[in-house]
Protein backbone atom coordinates (compact mmCIF):
# COMPACT_ATOMS: atom_id res chain seq x y z
CA MET A 1 0.00 0.00 0.00
CA ILE A 2 2.70 2.49 0.99
CA PRO A 3 4.87 1.87 -2.12
CA PHE A 4 1.81 2.40 -4.32
CA TYR A 5 1.05 5.70 -2.59
CA LEU A 6 4.67 6.87 -2.84
CA LEU A 7 4.85 5.89 -6.51
CA ASN A 8 1.81 8.05 -7.17
CA CYS A 9 3.47 10.87 -5.24
CA LEU A 10 6.34 10.61 -7.69
CA GLY A 11 3.82 11.02 -10.50
CA LEU A 12 2.50 14.10 -8.72
CA VAL A 13 6.02 15.58 -8.65
CA ILE A 14 6.39 14.97 -12.39
CA VAL A 15 3.07 16.66 -13.13
CA PHE A 16 3.88 19.55 -10.79
CA ASP A 17 7.15 20.06 -12.63
CA ALA A 18 5.35 20.35 -16.00
CA GLY A 19 5.12 24.12 -15.62
CA ASP A 20 5.21 26.99 -13.16
CA ALA A 21 1.87 28.74 -13.67
CA HIS A 22 -0.66 29.43 -10.89
CA PRO A 23 1.47 28.36 -7.88
CA PHE A 24 -1.21 28.87 -5.20
CA ALA A 25 -3.89 26.95 -7.09
CA SER A 26 -1.34 24.27 -7.99
CA VAL A 27 -0.49 23.67 -4.32
CA LEU A 28 -4.18 23.36 -3.42
CA LEU A 29 -4.76 20.88 -6.22
CA ALA A 30 -1.68 18.90 -5.18
CA ILE A 31 -3.04 18.63 -1.63
CA SER A 32 -6.41 17.58 -3.05
CA PHE A 33 -4.69 14.86 -5.05
CA LEU A 34 -2.89 13.50 -1.98
CA VAL A 35 -6.14 13.36 0.00
CA SER A 36 -8.09 11.71 -2.80
CA LEU A 37 -5.17 9.35 -3.41
CA ALA A 38 -5.45 8.16 0.20
CA CYS A 39 -9.07 7.15 -0.45
CA PHE A 40 -8.16 5.52 -3.75
CA THR A 41 -5.28 3.59 -2.17
CA TYR A 42 -7.60 2.26 0.52
CA ALA A 43 -10.08 1.10 -2.14
CA VAL A 44 -7.32 -0.63 -4.13
CA PHE A 45 -5.86 -2.57 -1.19
CA SER A 46 -8.94 -3.24 0.96
CA ARG A 47 -9.98 -6.87 1.26
CA SER A 48 -13.44 -6.13 -0.11
CA LEU A 49 -14.03 -5.41 -3.80
CA SER A 50 -14.75 -1.68 -3.24
CA ALA A 51 -15.64 -1.26 -6.91
CA THR A 52 -17.91 1.76 -6.41
CA SER A 53 -15.14 3.55 -4.52
CA PHE A 54 -12.62 2.60 -7.18
CA ALA A 55 -14.78 3.78 -10.08
CA TYR A 56 -15.55 7.20 -8.63
CA LEU A 57 -12.07 7.79 -7.19
CA LEU A 58 -10.36 6.75 -10.42
CA TYR A 59 -12.07 9.69 -12.09
CA ALA A 60 -11.84 12.08 -9.12
CA THR A 61 -8.18 11.41 -8.30
CA TYR A 62 -6.72 11.15 -11.78
CA GLY A 63 -9.22 12.33 -14.38
CA PHE A 64 -10.36 15.35 -12.37
CA ILE A 65 -7.67 16.49 -9.92
CA LEU A 66 -4.36 15.26 -11.37
CA ALA A 67 -5.31 16.06 -14.96
CA GLY A 68 -6.62 19.43 -13.78
CA LEU A 69 -3.34 20.11 -12.01
CA MET A 70 -1.48 19.32 -15.22
CA GLN A 71 -3.60 21.83 -17.13
CA VAL A 72 -3.37 24.51 -14.45
CA ARG A 73 0.36 24.07 -13.92
CA SER A 74 1.11 24.22 -17.65
CA ASP A 75 -1.57 26.91 -18.24
CA ARG A 76 -2.91 24.90 -21.19
CA PHE A 77 -6.56 23.95 -21.38
CA TYR A 78 -8.47 21.80 -23.82
CA TRP A 79 -11.40 24.14 -24.46
CA ILE A 80 -10.60 27.53 -25.97
CA ASN A 81 -7.52 28.35 -23.98
CA ASN A 82 -7.94 32.12 -24.36
CA ALA A 83 -11.45 32.04 -22.90
CA VAL A 84 -10.40 30.67 -19.50
CA ARG A 85 -11.12 33.11 -16.67
CA ARG A 86 -7.72 32.74 -15.04
CA GLU A 87 -8.59 35.03 -12.15
CA TYR A 88 -11.07 32.35 -10.99
CA ILE A 89 -8.56 29.48 -11.01
CA PRO A 90 -7.56 29.89 -7.31
CA ASP A 91 -11.24 29.95 -6.30
CA ALA A 92 -11.88 26.79 -8.31
CA ALA A 93 -8.91 25.12 -6.57
CA VAL A 94 -10.39 26.03 -3.18
CA ILE A 95 -13.68 24.35 -4.18
CA VAL A 96 -11.80 21.24 -5.28
CA LEU A 97 -9.80 21.05 -2.05
CA LEU A 98 -12.73 21.60 0.33
CA SER A 99 -14.98 19.14 -1.50
CA THR A 100 -12.19 16.53 -1.58
CA LEU A 101 -11.58 16.88 2.16
CA ALA A 102 -15.31 16.56 2.80
CA PHE A 103 -15.56 13.45 0.63
CA ALA A 104 -12.61 11.83 2.43
CA LEU A 105 -14.15 12.64 5.82
CA GLY A 106 -17.47 11.05 4.90
CA TYR A 107 -15.75 8.09 3.28
CA PHE A 108 -13.49 7.22 6.21
CA CYS A 109 -16.23 7.90 8.76
CA ARG A 110 -18.19 5.11 7.08
CA VAL A 111 -15.11 2.88 7.07
CA ALA A 112 -14.35 3.53 10.76
CA GLY A 113 -17.93 3.19 11.91
CA ARG A 114 -18.58 -0.20 10.35
CA PRO A 115 -16.70 -3.52 10.54
CA ALA A 116 -15.47 -5.12 7.35
CA PRO A 117 -18.50 -6.63 5.59
CA VAL A 118 -18.67 -10.40 5.34
CA GLU A 119 -20.56 -11.99 2.51
CA LYS A 120 -23.40 -14.12 3.83
CA PRO A 121 -25.26 -16.78 1.89
CA LEU A 122 -28.54 -15.68 0.40
CA ALA A 123 -31.66 -16.81 2.21
CA GLU A 124 -33.18 -20.01 0.92
CA VAL A 125 -35.67 -19.30 -1.84
CA SER A 126 -38.72 -21.50 -2.32
CA PRO A 127 -39.36 -23.12 -5.74
CA VAL A 128 -42.38 -20.90 -6.40
CA GLN A 129 -40.42 -17.82 -5.44
CA ARG A 130 -37.54 -18.86 -7.70
CA GLU A 131 -39.99 -19.17 -10.57
CA ARG A 132 -41.32 -15.65 -9.91
CA ILE A 133 -37.80 -14.23 -9.82
CA ALA A 134 -36.89 -16.04 -13.05
CA ARG A 135 -39.96 -14.74 -14.87
CA ALA A 136 -39.39 -11.21 -13.57
CA THR A 137 -35.82 -11.39 -14.86
CA PHE A 138 -37.01 -12.44 -18.30
CA VAL A 139 -39.64 -9.68 -18.42
CA VAL A 140 -37.22 -6.83 -17.64
CA CYS A 141 -34.60 -8.16 -20.08
CA LEU A 142 -37.29 -8.46 -22.75
CA LEU A 143 -38.37 -4.87 -22.03
CA ALA A 144 -34.79 -3.61 -22.50
CA PHE A 145 -34.48 -5.61 -25.72
CA CYS A 146 -37.77 -4.23 -27.07
CA TYR A 147 -36.68 -0.68 -26.30
CA LEU A 148 -33.50 -1.37 -28.24
CA LEU A 149 -35.55 -2.70 -31.18
CA LEU A 150 -37.58 0.51 -31.12
CA GLY A 151 -34.38 2.54 -31.34
CA LEU A 152 -33.07 0.36 -34.18
CA ARG A 153 -36.30 0.83 -36.08
CA THR A 154 -36.25 4.60 -35.56
CA TYR A 155 -32.58 5.35 -36.20
CA GLY A 156 -31.27 2.27 -38.00
CA VAL A 157 -28.48 -0.19 -37.22
CA PRO A 158 -25.66 2.21 -38.32
CA ALA A 159 -26.64 4.56 -35.49
CA PHE A 160 -25.62 1.84 -33.00
CA ILE A 161 -22.98 -0.27 -34.73
CA GLY A 162 -19.92 1.62 -35.94
CA THR A 163 -17.35 4.14 -34.80
CA ARG A 164 -18.32 7.28 -32.92
CA PHE A 165 -18.00 9.18 -36.18
CA THR A 166 -20.22 6.88 -38.27
CA THR A 167 -22.88 6.56 -35.58
CA GLY A 168 -22.94 10.35 -35.26
CA VAL A 169 -23.38 10.73 -39.01
CA ALA A 170 -26.20 8.17 -38.99
CA LEU A 171 -27.97 10.00 -36.17
CA ALA A 172 -27.59 13.37 -37.89
CA SER A 173 -29.11 11.97 -41.08
CA SER A 174 -32.10 10.56 -39.19
CA GLY A 175 -33.63 14.03 -38.98
CA GLY A 176 -34.48 13.97 -35.27
CA SER A 177 -33.46 16.54 -32.70
CA THR A 178 -30.19 16.14 -30.87
CA ALA A 179 -31.90 16.22 -27.48
CA THR A 180 -34.38 13.51 -28.46
CA TYR A 181 -31.98 10.94 -29.79
CA GLY A 182 -29.47 11.78 -27.08
CA LEU A 183 -32.06 10.87 -24.45
CA VAL A 184 -33.13 7.75 -26.34
CA PHE A 185 -29.57 6.47 -26.60
CA THR A 186 -28.85 7.26 -22.97
CA LEU A 187 -31.92 5.33 -21.83
CA THR A 188 -31.15 2.43 -24.16
CA ARG A 189 -27.59 2.09 -22.91
CA GLY A 190 -28.61 2.42 -19.27
CA MET A 191 -31.29 -0.24 -19.61
CA ALA A 192 -28.87 -2.53 -21.47
CA ILE A 193 -26.42 -2.36 -18.57
CA ALA A 194 -29.21 -2.97 -16.05
CA SER A 195 -30.52 -6.00 -17.94
CA MET A 196 -27.05 -7.56 -17.88
CA VAL A 197 -26.67 -6.81 -14.17
CA ILE A 198 -30.04 -8.37 -13.32
CA ALA A 199 -29.65 -11.43 -15.54
CA GLY A 200 -26.06 -12.02 -14.41
CA TYR A 201 -26.90 -11.68 -10.72
CA VAL A 202 -29.92 -13.98 -10.85
CA LEU A 203 -28.27 -16.62 -13.03
CA LEU A 204 -24.79 -16.69 -11.51
CA ARG A 205 -25.05 -15.39 -7.94
CA MET A 206 -28.57 -16.47 -6.99
CA ARG A 207 -28.03 -19.63 -9.10
CA ILE A 208 -31.54 -19.67 -10.50
CA ARG A 209 -31.02 -21.53 -13.74
CA ASN A 210 -33.95 -22.44 -15.93
CA ASN A 211 -35.31 -21.58 -19.35
CA TRP A 212 -36.49 -18.15 -18.19
CA THR A 213 -33.12 -17.02 -16.82
CA LEU A 214 -31.14 -18.52 -19.70
CA ALA A 215 -33.36 -16.71 -22.19
CA ALA A 216 -33.03 -13.53 -20.12
CA MET A 217 -29.23 -13.77 -20.21
CA ALA A 218 -29.29 -14.29 -23.98
CA LEU A 219 -31.47 -11.21 -24.42
CA ALA A 220 -29.27 -9.18 -22.08
CA CYS A 221 -26.10 -10.14 -23.98
CA VAL A 222 -27.59 -9.21 -27.36
CA THR A 223 -28.97 -5.93 -26.00
CA LEU A 224 -25.68 -4.96 -24.39
CA CYS A 225 -23.55 -5.84 -27.42
CA ILE A 226 -25.66 -3.68 -29.73
CA ALA A 227 -26.62 -0.78 -27.48
CA ASN A 228 -23.15 -0.48 -25.93
CA PHE A 229 -21.07 -1.37 -28.98
CA PRO A 230 -17.52 -0.58 -27.73
CA PRO A 231 -16.16 1.49 -30.68
CA ALA A 232 -19.21 3.75 -30.47
CA LEU A 233 -18.87 4.44 -26.74
CA PRO A 234 -17.17 7.34 -24.94
CA ARG A 235 -14.51 6.09 -22.54
CA PHE A 236 -16.57 6.52 -19.36
CA TRP A 237 -19.48 4.56 -20.86
CA LEU A 238 -16.96 1.86 -21.72
CA ILE A 239 -15.79 1.77 -18.09
CA ALA A 240 -19.41 1.52 -16.91
CA THR A 241 -20.10 -1.40 -19.23
CA VAL A 242 -16.96 -3.33 -18.28
CA LEU A 243 -17.53 -2.87 -14.53
CA ALA A 244 -21.16 -3.93 -14.78
CA VAL A 245 -20.26 -7.12 -16.65
CA LEU A 246 -17.43 -8.07 -14.29
CA MET A 247 -19.31 -7.33 -11.07
CA SER A 248 -22.45 -9.20 -12.12
CA THR A 249 -20.94 -12.20 -13.87
CA ALA A 250 -17.38 -12.72 -12.57
CA LYS A 251 -17.24 -11.55 -8.96
CA GLY A 252 -14.88 -14.29 -7.78
CA TRP A 253 -12.33 -13.69 -10.53
CA PHE A 254 -12.69 -9.92 -10.21
CA LEU A 255 -12.06 -10.05 -6.44
CA ARG A 256 -8.94 -12.19 -6.87
CA TRP A 257 -7.39 -9.84 -9.40
CA LYS A 258 -8.89 -6.54 -8.27
CA THR A 259 -5.76 -5.15 -6.61
CA VAL A 260 -3.70 -5.64 -9.77
CA LEU A 261 -6.46 -4.30 -12.03
CA PHE A 262 -7.27 -1.30 -9.84
CA ALA A 263 -3.62 -0.37 -9.28
CA ALA A 264 -2.97 -0.52 -13.03
CA ALA A 265 -6.06 1.52 -13.93
CA PRO A 266 -4.37 4.97 -13.83
CA LEU A 267 -1.75 3.73 -16.28
CA LEU A 268 -4.54 2.44 -18.52
CA MET A 269 -6.29 5.83 -18.35
CA PHE A 270 -3.29 7.86 -19.45
CA GLY A 271 -1.32 5.19 -21.29
CA LEU A 272 -3.42 2.49 -22.93
CA LEU A 273 -6.51 4.55 -23.77
CA PRO A 274 -4.55 7.27 -25.62
CA PHE A 275 -2.52 4.47 -27.23
CA LEU A 276 -5.73 2.91 -28.52
CA GLN A 277 -7.04 6.26 -29.72
CA ALA A 278 -5.23 5.45 -32.96
CA TYR A 279 -7.99 2.97 -33.70
CA ASN A 280 -9.75 6.28 -33.92
CA ARG A 281 -13.41 5.99 -33.14
CA ARG A 282 -13.91 9.51 -34.43
CA THR A 283 -13.15 8.78 -38.09
CA GLU A 284 -15.06 6.96 -40.80
CA SER A 285 -13.18 3.69 -40.43
CA VAL A 286 -11.47 1.81 -37.66
CA SER A 287 -7.71 2.02 -38.03
CA LEU A 288 -5.58 -0.69 -36.47
CA ASN A 289 -2.49 1.50 -36.53
CA VAL A 290 -1.36 2.52 -33.08
CA SER A 291 0.72 5.39 -31.80
CA PHE A 292 2.10 6.36 -28.41
CA THR A 293 0.93 9.45 -26.58
CA SER A 294 2.71 10.74 -23.50
CA PRO A 295 0.63 10.30 -20.32
CA LEU A 296 1.15 13.99 -19.61
CA GLU A 297 -0.34 14.84 -23.00
CA GLY A 298 -3.12 12.34 -22.33
CA MET A 299 -4.15 14.50 -19.36
CA MET A 300 -4.94 17.33 -21.76
CA HIS A 301 -7.85 15.40 -23.29
CA GLY A 302 -11.33 16.96 -23.25
CA ASP A 303 -12.67 14.13 -21.09
CA TYR A 304 -10.54 15.53 -18.25
CA ASP A 305 -11.88 19.08 -18.35
CA GLY A 306 -13.20 19.00 -14.77
CA VAL A 307 -11.09 21.76 -13.23
CA GLN A 308 -11.68 24.01 -16.23
CA ALA A 309 -15.41 23.36 -15.79
CA VAL A 310 -15.20 24.33 -12.09
CA VAL A 311 -13.57 27.61 -13.16
CA ASN A 312 -16.50 28.21 -15.50
CA VAL A 313 -19.06 27.36 -12.81
CA PHE A 314 -17.42 29.71 -10.31
CA GLY A 315 -17.71 32.46 -12.91
CA LEU A 316 -21.37 31.55 -13.42
CA VAL A 317 -22.10 31.81 -9.70
CA ALA A 318 -20.09 35.02 -9.36
CA GLN A 319 -22.16 36.61 -12.10
CA GLU A 320 -25.63 35.12 -11.59
CA GLY A 321 -25.63 33.82 -8.01
CA ILE A 322 -26.55 30.40 -6.68
CA SER A 323 -29.69 28.61 -7.83
CA LEU A 324 -30.82 27.23 -4.44
CA GLY A 325 -31.46 23.70 -5.65
CA SER A 326 -33.21 24.44 -8.92
CA ARG A 327 -30.39 22.84 -10.94
CA LEU A 328 -30.54 19.67 -8.89
CA LEU A 329 -34.33 19.66 -9.24
CA SER A 330 -34.00 20.08 -13.00
CA ALA A 331 -31.75 17.02 -13.07
CA LEU A 332 -34.08 14.92 -10.93
CA LEU A 333 -37.00 15.89 -13.17
CA PHE A 334 -35.03 15.37 -16.38
CA PHE A 335 -38.05 13.73 -18.01
CA VAL A 336 -40.19 16.89 -17.76
CA PRO A 337 -40.06 18.74 -21.11
CA ARG A 338 -39.17 22.41 -21.19
CA SER A 339 -42.44 23.12 -22.96
CA VAL A 340 -44.12 22.23 -19.66
CA TRP A 341 -41.48 23.69 -17.34
CA GLU A 342 -40.17 26.93 -18.79
CA GLY A 343 -37.80 27.53 -15.88
CA LYS A 344 -35.97 24.25 -16.29
CA HIS A 345 -32.20 24.76 -16.41
CA GLU A 346 -29.87 23.76 -19.19
CA HIS A 347 -26.87 21.62 -18.34
CA THR A 348 -24.77 23.43 -15.73
CA GLY A 349 -21.60 22.87 -17.76
CA SER A 350 -23.25 24.28 -20.87
CA GLU A 351 -24.60 27.38 -19.13
CA ALA A 352 -21.24 28.09 -17.54
CA ALA A 353 -19.35 27.51 -20.80
CA GLU A 354 -21.68 29.78 -22.74
CA LEU A 355 -21.22 32.55 -20.19
CA ALA A 356 -17.45 32.09 -20.45
CA GLY A 357 -17.63 32.60 -24.21
CA PHE A 358 -17.17 29.04 -25.44
CA ASN A 359 -18.52 28.04 -28.82
CA TYR A 360 -18.68 24.32 -27.92
CA LEU A 361 -20.99 23.88 -24.96
CA ASN A 362 -20.98 20.14 -24.21
CA ILE A 363 -18.72 20.72 -21.19
CA SER A 364 -18.65 18.69 -17.99
CA ALA A 365 -19.65 19.93 -14.54
CA PRO A 366 -18.13 17.75 -11.80
CA LEU A 367 -20.32 16.98 -8.81
CA PRO A 368 -18.63 19.52 -6.48
CA ALA A 369 -19.27 22.23 -9.09
CA GLU A 370 -22.93 21.20 -9.41
CA LEU A 371 -23.37 21.39 -5.65
CA PHE A 372 -21.54 24.73 -5.52
CA ALA A 373 -23.80 26.18 -8.23
CA ASP A 374 -26.85 25.26 -6.16
CA PHE A 375 -25.76 25.90 -2.55
CA HIS A 376 -22.33 27.59 -2.66
CA TYR A 377 -19.61 26.24 -0.35
CA VAL A 378 -22.18 24.74 2.03
CA GLY A 379 -23.47 22.53 -0.77
CA ALA A 380 -20.03 21.56 -2.05
CA ILE A 381 -18.83 20.57 1.43
CA GLY A 382 -22.01 19.03 2.85
CA GLY A 383 -22.97 17.30 -0.37
CA MET A 384 -19.57 15.70 -0.88
CA LEU A 385 -19.44 14.64 2.78
CA LEU A 386 -22.69 12.73 2.27
CA PHE A 387 -21.55 11.43 -1.11
CA GLY A 388 -18.36 9.99 0.38
CA TRP A 389 -20.37 8.15 3.02
CA LEU A 390 -22.80 6.86 0.38
CA ILE A 391 -20.06 5.55 -1.92
CA ARG A 392 -18.62 3.43 0.88
CA ALA A 393 -22.10 2.29 1.94
CA LEU A 394 -22.76 0.99 -1.58
CA ASP A 395 -19.50 -0.96 -1.42
CA ASP A 396 -20.63 -2.54 1.84
CA GLY A 397 -24.02 -3.40 0.39
CA TYR A 398 -22.47 -5.18 -2.58
CA ASP A 399 -19.92 -7.04 -0.47
CA GLU A 400 -22.48 -8.29 2.05
CA ALA A 401 -24.75 -9.53 -0.77
CA ARG A 402 -27.67 -10.08 1.59
CA ARG A 403 -30.21 -8.19 -0.47
CA PRO A 404 -30.16 -8.73 -4.25
CA VAL A 405 -31.69 -5.31 -4.94
CA ILE A 406 -29.00 -3.48 -2.95
CA SER A 407 -26.26 -5.49 -4.65
CA MET A 408 -27.68 -4.72 -8.11
CA MET A 409 -27.92 -1.02 -7.25
CA ALA A 410 -24.31 -1.06 -6.09
CA VAL A 411 -23.19 -2.61 -9.38
CA ILE A 412 -25.06 0.01 -11.39
CA MET A 413 -23.77 2.89 -9.30
CA ALA A 414 -20.23 1.54 -9.58
CA GLY A 415 -20.54 1.55 -13.35
CA PHE A 416 -22.00 5.05 -13.51
CA ALA A 417 -19.92 6.60 -10.69
CA PRO A 418 -17.34 8.19 -13.04
CA ILE A 419 -20.11 9.55 -15.27
CA ILE A 420 -22.01 10.99 -12.29
CA GLY A 421 -18.79 12.40 -10.86
CA ARG A 422 -17.90 14.10 -14.14
CA GLY A 423 -21.41 15.40 -14.91
CA PRO A 424 -23.18 17.52 -15.83
CA MET A 425 -25.91 15.99 -13.72
CA LEU A 426 -28.78 16.92 -16.03
CA GLY A 427 -26.92 15.42 -18.98
CA VAL A 428 -26.05 12.08 -17.36
CA ILE A 429 -28.75 11.31 -14.81
CA ALA A 430 -31.05 9.60 -17.31
CA ALA A 431 -28.61 6.68 -17.66
CA PRO A 432 -28.44 5.56 -14.00
CA ALA A 433 -32.11 6.50 -13.55
CA SER A 434 -33.20 4.17 -16.36
CA ALA A 435 -30.99 1.38 -15.01
CA LEU A 436 -32.32 1.79 -11.46
CA PHE A 437 -35.87 1.90 -12.81
CA LEU A 438 -35.36 -1.51 -14.41
CA VAL A 439 -34.01 -2.91 -11.12
CA ALA A 440 -37.01 -1.48 -9.26
CA LEU A 441 -39.34 -3.03 -11.84
CA TRP A 442 -37.60 -6.39 -11.40
CA TRP A 443 -37.99 -6.12 -7.64
CA GLY A 444 -41.69 -5.31 -7.95
CA LEU A 445 -42.37 -8.14 -10.40
CA SER A 446 -40.44 -10.63 -8.29
CA ARG A 447 -42.69 -9.79 -5.33
CA LEU A 448 -45.87 -9.99 -7.36
CA VAL A 449 -48.07 -12.94 -6.44
CA LEU A 450 -50.53 -13.78 -9.19
CA ALA A 451 -53.91 -14.95 -7.90
CA ARG A 452 -54.47 -18.54 -9.04
CA ARG A 453 -56.83 -21.23 -7.89
CA HIS A 454 -56.35 -24.93 -7.45
CA GLY A 455 -59.77 -26.45 -6.99
CA HIS A 456 -61.81 -23.97 -4.99
CA GLY A 457 -59.24 -22.37 -2.74
CA PRO A 458 -56.80 -19.53 -3.52
CA VAL A 459 -53.10 -20.06 -3.27
CA GLN A 460 -51.69 -18.57 -0.08
CA PRO A 461 -49.13 -15.79 -0.61
CA MET A 462 -45.59 -17.13 -0.61
CA GLU A 463 -42.67 -15.68 1.29
CA ARG A 464 -41.49 -12.56 -0.51
CA PRO A 465 -37.88 -11.94 -1.46
CA ARG A 466 -36.22 -9.05 0.24
């Protein structure tokens, strides 16, 4: 554990030496990295899987803070370098530091206040109950598959299968609005991940194997392979898909190798992923030629624009004030059209980028920035304190495996943790919401007792799964 932490400190020194701009903000971001790294190191070397912690902290520690430090220290930013409000960079660094300290406090309070979870065998399930669970699994997987078929019929196969460039061209030629097909694809991908999580958990962890669950797994695999076709996915969607598959279908193998995989993940982020960018998902064809990109240059990618987005959000709040929860409410009610709710906000990252003078507005808004835009420093600190506690609680729920619903929710939140952490909340919330909806539907159907009669007497209600 200590060598891993020290090795990462060496990486911090290398990044810090990449330039000499913004010394005060750079020191604050360096401290933030060390604090977040402590949480990440604990997740990597803890005896439990800690996948939700790993997924969020991988983004927060490296994709948000360390990459942001690289950009601040070198004074080079991905989005319109001359539009960055540099006078707000120290304030943004303060937000990052305070929210990171709050997250770590909540995270380790949960760790200290709870013994290490021990996986307990699932309660015995009666044959009739197993049949209900199996049928519920098939129904939700069929629903996800049918929603995918609807998308294929509306937008065509090329909109799903291809590179990011070709799928974008296919969507643009479909004639629909960007917001509409963006929501449809988000829901389709979220439901595809949820169907795999549910089918994998029921078939492999609950060991309910019959025609219903086998058919459900087949549907889930087909749905996931089409809806989440790897060359068409952004990198954080790819991480969500891989984590969901491993956690729901290969827990034993994943737990044995998790320390190696988790410890190597930062190198994959800034080494392998840029290396594979040569297979270029943004061009018309997939190229198998590869090229090496320096990890320091990899940190300049637009996916790691979190600190720059916090600078934008601070400028938004400085100019327009806080929104007192209306942005969070807009995200929670993402399904309400603006024709009905005229006061519904745009994405926080987009609003802040537009105010900063950006032409391209699809900018992130990390969770601390979202909370700051709604409730100022109180929101950033209090919200991240609660979020840190929640992340560790989800890890415990998955590791204990006593309640299938909690375990499934933990898998889904682990997959979407980097996406939620990066934001903007209004732009990403539909994905985990659709996945959690499918889990809730499965839970409801698995508890449903259909009234049937044998002779003249009704069947007595069976024991319900928790």
